[in-house]
Amino acid sequence: MSEDNQVPRPLHKKVWIRLRSCFQWILGGALFTANVAILFVLSFFKTQKQLDSFLQCLAAQMIWVSGIKIQHEGLEHLDRTKNYMVVFNHINFFDHFVMFRTLKLSKLRGIEKESHFSWPVYGTFLRRIRILPIAPRGDTKRALESLEKAKIYIKQEYSLLMAPEGTRSKDGKLQPFKKGAFHLAIETGVTILPVVFKGMDRFNLKGSIDLHPGPVTLSILPTIEAKKFSKDEVGELRDLTHQVIKNALS
């Protein structure tokens, strides 16, 4: 856990942080809802590539509300004319907004729990902007269907945000990686772009509503060519990627 979350604070400081954070969440929720409505309408008239600038606008608003000050390094490893599988250490709800705003890749899309696609309006919105549904854990048949859909996205030159840990970290530490993303990378030959968040755990951690505005660094690491690995080497690709991100964090 980050130092900021370990050091005891006076009661009045805790109350102020909680009140400010509640205001940020309420304002952020209102802006997010308004943007979802606008993007939903635009999705009927704009191509997926044309929607990118509007998604950038949404990301910028959410970052402004949060108080995150983005710093970045390693942009020389990024070629915005290519599509990637972007893998990252998943910390909190704001990870995706920071990546959308910083990477600025064409047709960059994330994944979302399949159950969210059944929600009224929001589920339709997710489909309209081509967010990729991910099957529930343990459902092998649905997982294979998700994998096939992801292959289609990559063939259509989408870049996908993939969190190989499978969930947000509770303490900011890197968790073991699952193999799913790396099966997809090898089968499609898509280039892996490892990305590392530094300081995001000080801003917010899973299970807490408190936000601590300040600098967050997004480190873009050298790419990894999945096409150099065979289907029998999924574990090796997973372990290599995990080690690269772990080294960058340490």
Protein backbone atom coordinates (compact mmCIF):
# COMPACT_ATOMS: atom_id res chain seq x y z
CA MET A 1 0.00 0.00 0.00
CA SER A 2 1.23 3.51 -0.72
CA GLU A 3 2.81 5.68 1.94
CA ASP A 4 -0.01 8.25 1.66
CA ASN A 5 -2.53 5.62 2.68
CA GLN A 6 -0.42 4.38 5.61
CA VAL A 7 0.40 7.64 7.41
CA PRO A 8 -2.34 8.53 9.94
CA ARG A 9 -4.15 11.80 9.20
CA PRO A 10 -5.93 14.17 11.58
CA LEU A 11 -9.71 13.67 11.66
CA HIS A 12 -10.44 17.03 10.02
CA LYS A 13 -8.10 16.11 7.14
CA LYS A 14 -9.86 12.77 6.64
CA VAL A 15 -13.26 14.48 6.64
CA TRP A 16 -12.08 17.05 4.09
CA ILE A 17 -10.68 14.35 1.79
CA ARG A 18 -13.92 12.35 2.03
CA LEU A 19 -16.14 15.38 1.31
CA ARG A 20 -13.97 16.52 -1.59
CA SER A 21 -13.86 12.99 -3.01
CA CYS A 22 -17.66 12.66 -2.82
CA PHE A 23 -18.02 15.92 -4.73
CA GLN A 24 -15.52 14.70 -7.36
CA TRP A 25 -17.41 11.40 -7.79
CA ILE A 26 -20.76 13.17 -8.11
CA LEU A 27 -19.44 15.70 -10.63
CA GLY A 28 -17.56 12.98 -12.50
CA GLY A 29 -20.67 10.81 -12.61
CA ALA A 30 -22.73 13.66 -14.04
CA LEU A 31 -20.13 14.43 -16.70
CA PHE A 32 -19.74 10.76 -17.56
CA THR A 33 -23.50 10.30 -17.94
CA ALA A 34 -23.79 13.39 -20.15
CA ASN A 35 -20.91 12.24 -22.35
CA VAL A 36 -22.35 8.73 -22.65
CA ALA A 37 -25.61 10.26 -23.90
CA ILE A 38 -23.79 12.42 -26.45
CA LEU A 39 -21.58 9.58 -27.65
CA PHE A 40 -24.58 7.27 -27.92
CA VAL A 41 -26.27 9.68 -30.33
CA LEU A 42 -23.06 10.37 -32.26
CA SER A 43 -22.41 6.64 -32.70
CA PHE A 44 -25.28 6.54 -35.22
CA PHE A 45 -23.62 9.18 -37.41
CA LYS A 46 -19.88 8.80 -36.86
CA THR A 47 -17.43 6.04 -37.68
CA GLN A 48 -15.56 4.36 -34.84
CA LYS A 49 -12.42 6.29 -35.81
CA GLN A 50 -14.33 9.57 -35.77
CA LEU A 51 -15.56 8.80 -32.26
CA ASP A 52 -11.98 8.81 -30.99
CA SER A 53 -11.86 12.59 -30.50
CA PHE A 54 -15.08 12.49 -28.46
CA LEU A 55 -13.71 9.68 -26.30
CA GLN A 56 -10.61 11.82 -25.80
CA CYS A 57 -12.85 14.64 -24.61
CA LEU A 58 -14.56 12.33 -22.13
CA ALA A 59 -11.18 11.14 -20.82
CA ALA A 60 -9.93 14.73 -20.45
CA GLN A 61 -13.00 15.72 -18.42
CA MET A 62 -12.68 12.74 -16.08
CA ILE A 63 -8.99 13.44 -15.52
CA TRP A 64 -9.75 17.10 -14.80
CA VAL A 65 -12.39 16.14 -12.24
CA SER A 66 -10.08 13.63 -10.58
CA GLY A 67 -7.20 16.04 -10.15
CA ILE A 68 -4.70 13.65 -11.74
CA LYS A 69 -1.65 15.41 -13.20
CA ILE A 70 -0.44 13.14 -15.99
CA GLN A 71 3.25 12.71 -16.55
CA HIS A 72 4.51 10.33 -19.20
CA GLU A 73 7.69 8.72 -20.42
CA GLY A 74 8.58 6.40 -23.29
CA LEU A 75 6.43 7.95 -26.04
CA GLU A 76 9.23 7.04 -28.46
CA HIS A 77 8.09 3.40 -28.14
CA LEU A 78 4.65 4.29 -29.49
CA ASP A 79 3.68 4.32 -33.19
CA ARG A 80 0.18 5.78 -33.50
CA THR A 81 -0.22 4.37 -37.02
CA LYS A 82 -0.23 0.81 -35.60
CA ASN A 83 -2.68 -1.13 -33.48
CA TYR A 84 -1.57 -2.84 -30.28
CA MET A 85 -2.63 -4.98 -27.41
CA VAL A 86 -1.94 -2.60 -24.53
CA VAL A 87 -1.26 -4.49 -21.29
CA PHE A 88 -0.98 -2.65 -17.99
CA ASN A 89 -0.98 -2.92 -14.21
CA HIS A 90 -4.61 -2.27 -13.26
CA ILE A 91 -5.06 -0.02 -10.22
CA ASN A 92 -8.37 1.81 -10.36
CA PHE A 93 -11.35 3.14 -12.34
CA PHE A 94 -9.31 6.01 -13.83
CA ASP A 95 -6.61 3.87 -15.50
CA HIS A 96 -8.44 3.76 -18.82
CA PHE A 97 -9.06 7.50 -18.95
CA VAL A 98 -5.35 8.24 -18.46
CA MET A 99 -4.41 5.79 -21.21
CA PHE A 100 -7.01 7.14 -23.65
CA ARG A 101 -5.73 10.65 -23.04
CA THR A 102 -2.02 9.82 -23.25
CA LEU A 103 -1.73 7.07 -25.88
CA LYS A 104 -4.19 8.64 -28.37
CA LEU A 105 -4.28 5.49 -30.47
CA SER A 106 -6.80 5.20 -33.28
CA LYS A 107 -9.78 2.99 -32.35
CA LEU A 108 -8.47 2.25 -28.86
CA ARG A 109 -11.09 0.29 -26.93
CA GLY A 110 -11.27 -1.45 -23.59
CA ILE A 111 -13.07 -4.53 -22.31
CA GLU A 112 -15.99 -4.68 -19.91
CA LYS A 113 -17.84 -7.36 -17.98
CA GLU A 114 -20.40 -9.07 -20.18
CA SER A 115 -23.10 -8.50 -17.56
CA HIS A 116 -22.81 -4.72 -18.04
CA PHE A 117 -24.02 -5.10 -21.62
CA SER A 118 -27.48 -6.04 -20.32
CA TRP A 119 -27.88 -2.72 -18.47
CA PRO A 120 -30.50 -0.39 -19.97
CA VAL A 121 -29.02 2.34 -22.24
CA TYR A 122 -25.45 1.84 -20.96
CA GLY A 123 -25.25 -1.67 -22.40
CA THR A 124 -26.39 -0.38 -25.79
CA PHE A 125 -23.84 2.42 -25.53
CA LEU A 126 -21.05 -0.11 -24.94
CA ARG A 127 -22.07 -2.00 -28.07
CA ARG A 128 -22.34 1.17 -30.15
CA ILE A 129 -18.76 2.26 -29.39
CA ARG A 130 -17.45 -1.33 -29.74
CA ILE A 131 -16.31 -2.04 -26.20
CA LEU A 132 -15.35 -5.71 -26.01
CA PRO A 133 -17.47 -7.91 -23.65
CA ILE A 134 -15.51 -10.29 -21.46
CA ALA A 135 -17.15 -13.54 -20.32
CA PRO A 136 -17.62 -14.47 -16.64
CA ARG A 137 -14.78 -16.40 -15.04
CA GLY A 138 -15.11 -20.13 -15.35
CA ASP A 139 -17.42 -20.04 -18.38
CA THR A 140 -15.15 -21.67 -20.95
CA LYS A 141 -17.63 -21.55 -23.83
CA ARG A 142 -18.32 -17.82 -23.40
CA ALA A 143 -14.62 -17.15 -22.90
CA LEU A 144 -13.87 -18.72 -26.29
CA GLU A 145 -16.60 -16.58 -27.85
CA SER A 146 -15.01 -13.48 -26.32
CA LEU A 147 -11.65 -14.57 -27.70
CA GLU A 148 -13.08 -14.95 -31.21
CA LYS A 149 -14.67 -11.51 -31.03
CA ALA A 150 -11.37 -10.01 -29.86
CA LYS A 151 -9.65 -11.56 -32.88
CA ILE A 152 -12.12 -9.79 -35.16
CA TYR A 153 -11.44 -6.47 -33.43
CA ILE A 154 -7.70 -6.84 -33.94
CA LYS A 155 -8.15 -7.80 -37.60
CA GLN A 156 -10.19 -4.59 -37.96
CA GLU A 157 -7.17 -2.68 -36.61
CA TYR A 158 -8.53 -1.89 -33.16
CA SER A 159 -6.12 -1.48 -30.27
CA LEU A 160 -7.29 -3.28 -27.14
CA LEU A 161 -6.66 -2.40 -23.50
CA MET A 162 -6.07 -5.63 -21.60
CA ALA A 163 -5.41 -6.02 -17.86
CA PRO A 164 -3.80 -9.47 -17.59
CA GLU A 165 -4.10 -9.44 -13.79
CA GLY A 166 -7.84 -9.91 -14.32
CA THR A 167 -8.87 -7.34 -11.71
CA ARG A 168 -7.69 -4.19 -9.95
CA SER A 169 -4.88 -4.52 -7.44
CA LYS A 170 -5.96 -4.02 -3.82
CA ASP A 171 -2.57 -2.73 -2.66
CA GLY A 172 -0.93 -1.38 -5.82
CA LYS A 173 1.37 -4.39 -6.12
CA LEU A 174 1.59 -6.31 -9.38
CA GLN A 175 -0.44 -9.53 -9.32
CA PRO A 176 0.16 -12.72 -11.35
CA PHE A 177 -0.90 -12.58 -15.01
CA LYS A 178 -3.50 -14.84 -16.60
CA LYS A 179 -2.86 -16.38 -20.02
CA GLY A 180 -5.93 -15.21 -21.96
CA ALA A 181 -4.49 -12.00 -23.39
CA PHE A 182 -1.33 -13.78 -24.47
CA HIS A 183 -3.22 -16.56 -26.25
CA LEU A 184 -4.94 -13.78 -28.20
CA ALA A 185 -1.67 -11.99 -28.94
CA ILE A 186 0.03 -15.11 -30.31
CA GLU A 187 -2.97 -16.20 -32.39
CA THR A 188 -3.35 -12.77 -34.01
CA GLY A 189 0.31 -11.72 -34.07
CA VAL A 190 -0.59 -8.32 -32.61
CA THR A 191 2.23 -6.35 -31.02
CA ILE A 192 2.12 -6.05 -27.23
CA LEU A 193 2.62 -2.57 -25.78
CA PRO A 194 3.41 -2.81 -22.05
CA VAL A 195 2.32 0.25 -20.07
CA VAL A 196 3.04 0.92 -16.39
CA PHE A 197 1.28 3.21 -13.93
CA LYS A 198 3.47 4.75 -11.25
CA GLY A 199 1.77 6.67 -8.46
CA MET A 200 -1.76 5.62 -9.35
CA ASP A 201 -1.98 3.64 -6.09
CA ARG A 202 -1.38 6.87 -4.15
CA PHE A 203 -4.29 8.48 -5.99
CA ASN A 204 -6.86 5.75 -5.30
CA LEU A 205 -7.05 2.08 -4.43
CA LYS A 206 -9.75 -0.53 -4.95
CA GLY A 207 -12.31 -0.45 -2.16
CA SER A 208 -11.81 3.23 -1.29
CA ILE A 209 -13.77 6.24 -2.53
CA ASP A 210 -11.09 8.68 -1.36
CA LEU A 211 -9.20 10.44 -4.16
CA HIS A 212 -5.81 12.06 -3.64
CA PRO A 213 -5.11 14.46 -6.55
CA GLY A 214 -1.51 14.62 -7.70
CA PRO A 215 0.99 13.38 -10.27
CA VAL A 216 0.64 9.98 -11.95
CA THR A 217 3.30 8.76 -14.36
CA LEU A 218 2.41 6.58 -17.34
CA SER A 219 5.49 4.73 -18.58
CA ILE A 220 5.32 3.30 -22.10
CA LEU A 221 7.77 0.42 -22.40
CA PRO A 222 9.40 -1.14 -25.50
CA THR A 223 7.03 -3.32 -27.48
CA ILE A 224 7.03 -7.13 -27.44
CA GLU A 225 6.42 -8.99 -30.70
CA ALA A 226 3.97 -11.81 -29.97
CA LYS A 227 4.47 -13.27 -33.45
CA LYS A 228 7.90 -14.47 -32.34
CA PHE A 229 6.23 -16.91 -29.94
CA SER A 230 4.49 -20.18 -30.83
CA LYS A 231 1.18 -21.37 -29.37
CA ASP A 232 3.14 -23.63 -27.03
CA GLU A 233 5.01 -20.62 -25.63
CA VAL A 234 2.06 -18.71 -24.16
CA GLY A 235 3.49 -19.13 -20.66
CA GLU A 236 6.85 -17.76 -21.75
CA LEU A 237 5.24 -14.68 -23.33
CA ARG A 238 3.12 -14.10 -20.25
CA ASP A 239 6.10 -14.42 -17.91
CA LEU A 240 8.27 -12.15 -20.06
CA THR A 241 5.62 -9.43 -20.11
CA HIS A 242 5.06 -9.75 -16.37
CA GLN A 243 8.79 -9.43 -15.71
CA VAL A 244 9.12 -6.38 -17.96
CA ILE A 245 6.32 -4.57 -16.12
CA LYS A 246 7.60 -5.71 -12.71
CA ASN A 247 11.07 -4.40 -13.52
CA ALA A 248 9.65 -1.03 -14.59
CA LEU A 249 7.69 -0.76 -11.34
CA SER A 250 10.73 -1.53 -9.19
